[in-house]
């Protein structure tokens, strides 16, 4: 996964800057789907999560209502246990993220209550599984992680899957040759590895921007394609291909209105 923060290291002289707004569709139900294909015991397996989203105006910013509706995987047994243990307790819990006018998540309403429900879900899972079984070990690992987090760490964890939607909101991207980037790639395929590369606009219209990110480091290759709405500032679709030596991961994200 890429770090949430990306450091810009260079921008070509004279490159035209394209301003990105932040004006999400208020009151309109949206579906946010994330699907990964990554190796488990040498075989590519699918992991998916589907969320219901809705924005509402709140002063100068917004509230994002986000509810995990379901997860799925075709990985056998132990190959999906950690994934299911981490996300199953979140199913059905509505999170209300507070965003500022630039699209940055700055807080979450009733965080203590949300956290209590999440921990209760983990406890309930542990009671269902046989001690020492793969399912019990996976749930216990998640419980240990949750209990170790600070309030800021809790917010970062809960907001982690939402952040990519707002990667360019309220900022600007460079036209022409684009700009240089530096970040970190790593989990779930290996240790964190510094990577560098470029972000450039490959196509633009009055409604959208298509951007391409190419990054590389020690044994790591990353390619990301973004389709960005110029009216909302949200990333409506994204594809990430990450290769760490012989291992590979493909991830797609899509944000679509409810029919």
Protein backbone atom coordinates (compact mmCIF):
# COMPACT_ATOMS: atom_id res chain seq x y z
CA UNK A 1 0.00 0.00 0.00
CA UNK A 2 1.11 3.53 -0.60
CA UNK A 3 1.54 5.97 2.24
CA UNK A 4 -1.40 8.36 2.58
CA UNK A 5 0.94 11.36 2.36
CA UNK A 6 2.94 11.84 -0.84
CA UNK A 7 5.84 14.27 -0.91
CA UNK A 8 6.16 16.37 -4.07
CA UNK A 9 9.85 16.79 -4.88
CA UNK A 10 9.90 18.64 -8.20
CA UNK A 11 7.74 20.43 -10.72
CA UNK A 12 8.81 21.34 -14.26
CA UNK A 13 9.29 25.04 -14.91
CA UNK A 14 6.34 26.57 -16.73
CA UNK A 15 4.01 23.59 -16.20
CA UNK A 16 0.36 24.65 -16.12
CA UNK A 17 -1.33 24.00 -12.79
CA UNK A 18 -4.86 22.52 -12.81
CA UNK A 19 -6.92 23.50 -9.76
CA UNK A 20 -8.97 20.73 -8.16
CA UNK A 21 -12.09 21.76 -6.21
CA UNK A 22 -13.78 20.01 -3.31
CA UNK A 23 -17.53 20.00 -3.82
CA UNK A 24 -18.91 16.50 -3.19
CA UNK A 25 -22.50 15.65 -4.20
CA UNK A 26 -24.65 16.43 -1.16
CA UNK A 27 -27.48 14.09 -0.22
CA UNK A 28 -26.84 11.62 -3.04
CA UNK A 29 -26.30 7.94 -2.08
CA UNK A 30 -23.05 6.52 -3.47
CA UNK A 31 -21.46 3.08 -3.64
CA UNK A 32 -17.75 2.78 -2.94
CA UNK A 33 -16.21 -0.56 -3.90
CA UNK A 34 -12.63 -1.67 -3.34
CA UNK A 35 -11.36 -4.89 -4.89
CA UNK A 36 -7.88 -6.38 -4.54
CA UNK A 37 -6.25 -9.31 -6.28
CA UNK A 38 -3.15 -10.42 -4.41
CA UNK A 39 -1.20 -13.64 -3.89
CA UNK A 40 -2.10 -16.14 -1.20
CA UNK A 41 0.14 -19.22 -1.17
CA UNK A 42 1.24 -18.39 -4.70
CA UNK A 43 -2.27 -18.01 -6.14
CA UNK A 44 -3.95 -14.67 -6.93
CA UNK A 45 -7.01 -14.23 -4.71
CA UNK A 46 -9.78 -11.65 -4.62
CA UNK A 47 -10.64 -9.47 -1.60
CA UNK A 48 -13.47 -6.93 -1.82
CA UNK A 49 -15.33 -4.45 0.37
CA UNK A 50 -18.43 -2.43 -0.47
CA UNK A 51 -19.50 0.72 1.37
CA UNK A 52 -22.50 3.06 1.23
CA UNK A 53 -21.52 6.75 1.26
CA UNK A 54 -23.45 10.00 1.54
CA UNK A 55 -22.22 13.58 1.99
CA UNK A 56 -24.01 16.35 3.81
CA UNK A 57 -23.07 19.97 4.29
CA UNK A 58 -21.85 21.03 7.77
CA UNK A 59 -20.84 24.68 8.12
CA UNK A 60 -17.81 25.36 5.94
CA UNK A 61 -17.14 21.65 5.51
CA UNK A 62 -18.97 18.37 5.13
CA UNK A 63 -19.96 15.18 6.93
CA UNK A 64 -19.34 11.91 5.13
CA UNK A 65 -21.64 9.08 6.22
CA UNK A 66 -19.88 5.79 5.46
CA UNK A 67 -21.18 2.28 6.18
CA UNK A 68 -19.44 -0.96 5.33
CA UNK A 69 -22.14 -3.18 3.81
CA UNK A 70 -20.20 -6.31 2.99
CA UNK A 71 -16.87 -8.01 2.34
CA UNK A 72 -15.94 -11.00 0.23
CA UNK A 73 -12.93 -13.14 -0.67
CA UNK A 74 -12.27 -16.30 -2.62
CA UNK A 75 -9.15 -17.05 -0.58
CA UNK A 76 -9.34 -20.43 1.17
CA UNK A 77 -9.57 -20.74 4.94
CA UNK A 78 -6.60 -19.17 6.68
CA UNK A 79 -5.78 -17.03 3.63
CA UNK A 80 -8.69 -14.70 4.40
CA UNK A 81 -8.88 -14.93 8.17
CA UNK A 82 -6.97 -11.71 8.92
CA UNK A 83 -9.00 -9.82 6.32
CA UNK A 84 -12.32 -11.04 7.71
CA UNK A 85 -11.27 -10.49 11.32
CA UNK A 86 -10.28 -6.88 10.60
CA UNK A 87 -13.42 -5.87 8.70
CA UNK A 88 -16.32 -8.06 9.86
CA UNK A 89 -16.85 -6.10 13.13
CA UNK A 90 -17.25 -2.90 11.06
CA UNK A 91 -20.13 -4.20 8.95
CA UNK A 92 -23.28 -2.14 9.53
CA UNK A 93 -21.62 0.56 11.66
CA UNK A 94 -22.18 4.05 10.24
CA UNK A 95 -19.15 6.30 10.52
CA UNK A 96 -19.64 10.06 10.31
CA UNK A 97 -16.40 11.66 9.17
CA UNK A 98 -15.99 15.43 9.41
CA UNK A 99 -14.17 17.04 6.48
CA UNK A 100 -12.94 20.59 6.15
CA UNK A 101 -13.52 22.78 3.09
CA UNK A 102 -10.41 21.35 1.37
CA UNK A 103 -11.52 17.71 1.70
CA UNK A 104 -9.33 16.72 4.64
CA UNK A 105 -10.77 14.34 7.25
CA UNK A 106 -10.39 16.17 10.55
CA UNK A 107 -12.50 14.06 12.90
CA UNK A 108 -15.26 11.53 13.41
CA UNK A 109 -18.48 11.97 15.37
CA UNK A 110 -19.03 9.75 18.44
CA UNK A 111 -15.62 8.15 18.04
CA UNK A 112 -15.71 6.58 21.51
CA UNK A 113 -19.09 4.95 20.82
CA UNK A 114 -17.90 3.68 17.44
CA UNK A 115 -14.76 2.29 18.99
CA UNK A 116 -16.74 0.55 21.73
CA UNK A 117 -18.97 -1.15 19.12
CA UNK A 118 -15.93 -2.23 17.14
CA UNK A 119 -14.25 -3.73 20.20
CA UNK A 120 -17.50 -5.47 21.18
CA UNK A 121 -17.64 -7.00 17.72
CA UNK A 122 -14.11 -8.35 18.08
CA UNK A 123 -14.94 -9.79 21.51
CA UNK A 124 -18.03 -11.49 20.10
CA UNK A 125 -15.95 -13.05 17.30
CA UNK A 126 -13.40 -14.37 19.77
CA UNK A 127 -16.15 -16.08 21.74
CA UNK A 128 -17.32 -17.89 18.60
CA UNK A 129 -13.94 -19.31 17.62
CA UNK A 130 -11.97 -22.16 19.15
CA UNK A 131 -8.92 -20.87 21.06
CA UNK A 132 -5.77 -21.54 19.06
CA UNK A 133 -7.61 -21.84 15.73
CA UNK A 134 -6.58 -19.64 12.77
CA UNK A 135 -9.78 -17.60 13.15
CA UNK A 136 -9.21 -17.06 16.86
CA UNK A 137 -5.57 -16.06 16.31
CA UNK A 138 -6.54 -13.57 13.59
CA UNK A 139 -9.24 -11.97 15.73
CA UNK A 140 -6.88 -11.83 18.72
CA UNK A 141 -4.27 -10.04 16.61
CA UNK A 142 -6.85 -7.45 15.57
CA UNK A 143 -7.97 -6.99 19.18
CA UNK A 144 -4.35 -6.44 20.27
CA UNK A 145 -3.83 -3.86 17.52
CA UNK A 146 -7.01 -1.93 18.39
CA UNK A 147 -6.18 -1.80 22.08
CA UNK A 148 -2.75 -0.30 21.32
CA UNK A 149 -3.96 2.69 19.28
CA UNK A 150 -4.07 6.30 20.45
CA UNK A 151 -7.11 8.49 19.57
CA UNK A 152 -5.22 9.82 16.54
CA UNK A 153 -4.32 6.28 15.54
CA UNK A 154 -7.96 5.24 15.81
CA UNK A 155 -9.03 8.05 13.49
CA UNK A 156 -6.28 7.16 11.03
CA UNK A 157 -7.39 3.52 11.01
CA UNK A 158 -11.09 4.29 10.57
CA UNK A 159 -10.43 6.90 7.87
CA UNK A 160 -7.77 4.93 6.02
CA UNK A 161 -9.97 3.56 3.24
CA UNK A 162 -11.71 6.92 2.73
CA UNK A 163 -8.56 9.01 2.28
CA UNK A 164 -7.82 7.97 -1.33
CA UNK A 165 -11.11 9.55 -2.45
CA UNK A 166 -9.77 12.98 -1.46
CA UNK A 167 -6.16 12.62 -2.58
CA UNK A 168 -6.31 15.66 -4.88
CA UNK A 169 -9.32 17.52 -3.42
CA UNK A 170 -8.76 21.20 -2.74
CA UNK A 171 -5.29 21.18 -4.31
CA UNK A 172 -3.78 21.31 -7.79
CA UNK A 173 -1.99 19.02 -10.22
CA UNK A 174 0.63 19.92 -12.77
CA UNK A 175 0.05 19.63 -16.50
CA UNK A 176 2.79 19.00 -19.04
CA UNK A 177 5.47 16.64 -17.72
CA UNK A 178 3.82 16.56 -14.29
CA UNK A 179 5.65 16.57 -10.99
CA UNK A 180 8.06 14.37 -9.08
CA UNK A 181 6.88 12.32 -6.11
CA UNK A 182 8.44 10.45 -3.23
CA UNK A 183 6.57 8.04 -0.95
CA UNK A 184 6.71 4.51 0.51
CA UNK A 185 5.35 1.21 -0.84
CA UNK A 186 5.20 -2.03 1.09
CA UNK A 187 2.42 -3.90 2.88
CA UNK A 188 0.85 -6.31 2.12
CA UNK A 189 3.58 -7.58 -0.19
CA UNK A 190 6.72 -6.88 1.81
CA UNK A 191 8.72 -4.46 3.93
CA UNK A 192 8.21 -0.71 3.37
CA UNK A 193 10.34 0.46 0.44
CA UNK A 194 11.01 4.10 -0.56
CA UNK A 195 9.82 4.79 -4.11
CA UNK A 196 10.11 7.78 -6.43
CA UNK A 197 8.52 8.74 -9.70
CA UNK A 198 6.14 11.14 -11.38
CA UNK A 199 2.48 12.11 -11.48
CA UNK A 200 1.17 13.54 -14.73
CA UNK A 201 -2.11 14.40 -16.44
CA UNK A 202 -2.65 12.06 -19.39
CA UNK A 203 -6.06 13.36 -20.49
CA UNK A 204 -8.44 16.13 -19.49
CA UNK A 205 -11.86 17.43 -20.41
CA UNK A 206 -14.25 19.94 -18.88
CA UNK A 207 -15.62 17.18 -16.63
CA UNK A 208 -12.68 15.01 -15.66
CA UNK A 209 -8.96 14.48 -15.39
CA UNK A 210 -7.12 11.23 -16.00
CA UNK A 211 -3.82 11.03 -14.15
CA UNK A 212 -1.02 8.50 -14.16
CA UNK A 213 1.46 7.84 -11.38
CA UNK A 214 4.62 5.82 -11.98
CA UNK A 215 6.87 4.97 -9.03
CA UNK A 216 9.84 2.67 -8.51
CA UNK A 217 12.23 1.65 -5.75
CA UNK A 218 14.38 -1.29 -4.66
CA UNK A 219 12.62 -4.20 -6.36
CA UNK A 220 9.29 -2.36 -6.39
CA UNK A 221 7.24 -1.05 -9.31
CA UNK A 222 4.00 0.91 -8.79
CA UNK A 223 1.58 2.18 -11.42
CA UNK A 224 -1.61 4.05 -10.50
CA UNK A 225 -4.29 5.43 -12.81
CA UNK A 226 -6.81 7.95 -11.45
CA UNK A 227 -10.06 9.22 -12.97
CA UNK A 228 -10.89 12.46 -11.17
CA UNK A 229 -14.08 14.51 -11.31
CA UNK A 230 -13.38 18.20 -11.95
CA UNK A 231 -16.72 19.20 -10.44
CA UNK A 232 -16.55 17.30 -7.13
CA UNK A 233 -12.79 16.85 -6.79
CA UNK A 234 -13.34 13.18 -5.90
CA UNK A 235 -11.49 10.24 -7.42
CA UNK A 236 -14.28 8.30 -9.14
CA UNK A 237 -12.11 5.36 -10.18
CA UNK A 238 -8.59 4.20 -9.47
CA UNK A 239 -6.43 1.26 -10.47
CA UNK A 240 -3.18 0.40 -8.71
CA UNK A 241 -0.69 -2.21 -9.90
CA UNK A 242 2.10 -2.98 -7.47
CA UNK A 243 4.88 -5.50 -8.03
CA UNK A 244 7.44 -6.53 -5.43
CA UNK A 245 9.91 -8.78 -7.23
CA UNK A 246 7.85 -11.86 -8.23
CA UNK A 247 4.73 -10.89 -6.28
CA UNK A 248 1.98 -8.65 -7.63
CA UNK A 249 -1.11 -6.86 -6.40
CA UNK A 250 -3.87 -5.19 -8.39
CA UNK A 251 -6.41 -2.95 -6.69
CA UNK A 252 -9.39 -1.13 -8.15
CA UNK A 253 -11.62 1.46 -6.49
CA UNK A 254 -14.86 2.83 -7.87
CA UNK A 255 -17.28 5.48 -6.64
CA UNK A 256 -20.68 5.36 -8.36
CA UNK A 257 -24.15 6.82 -7.69
CA UNK A 258 -26.82 4.42 -6.46
CA UNK A 259 -29.03 3.63 -9.48
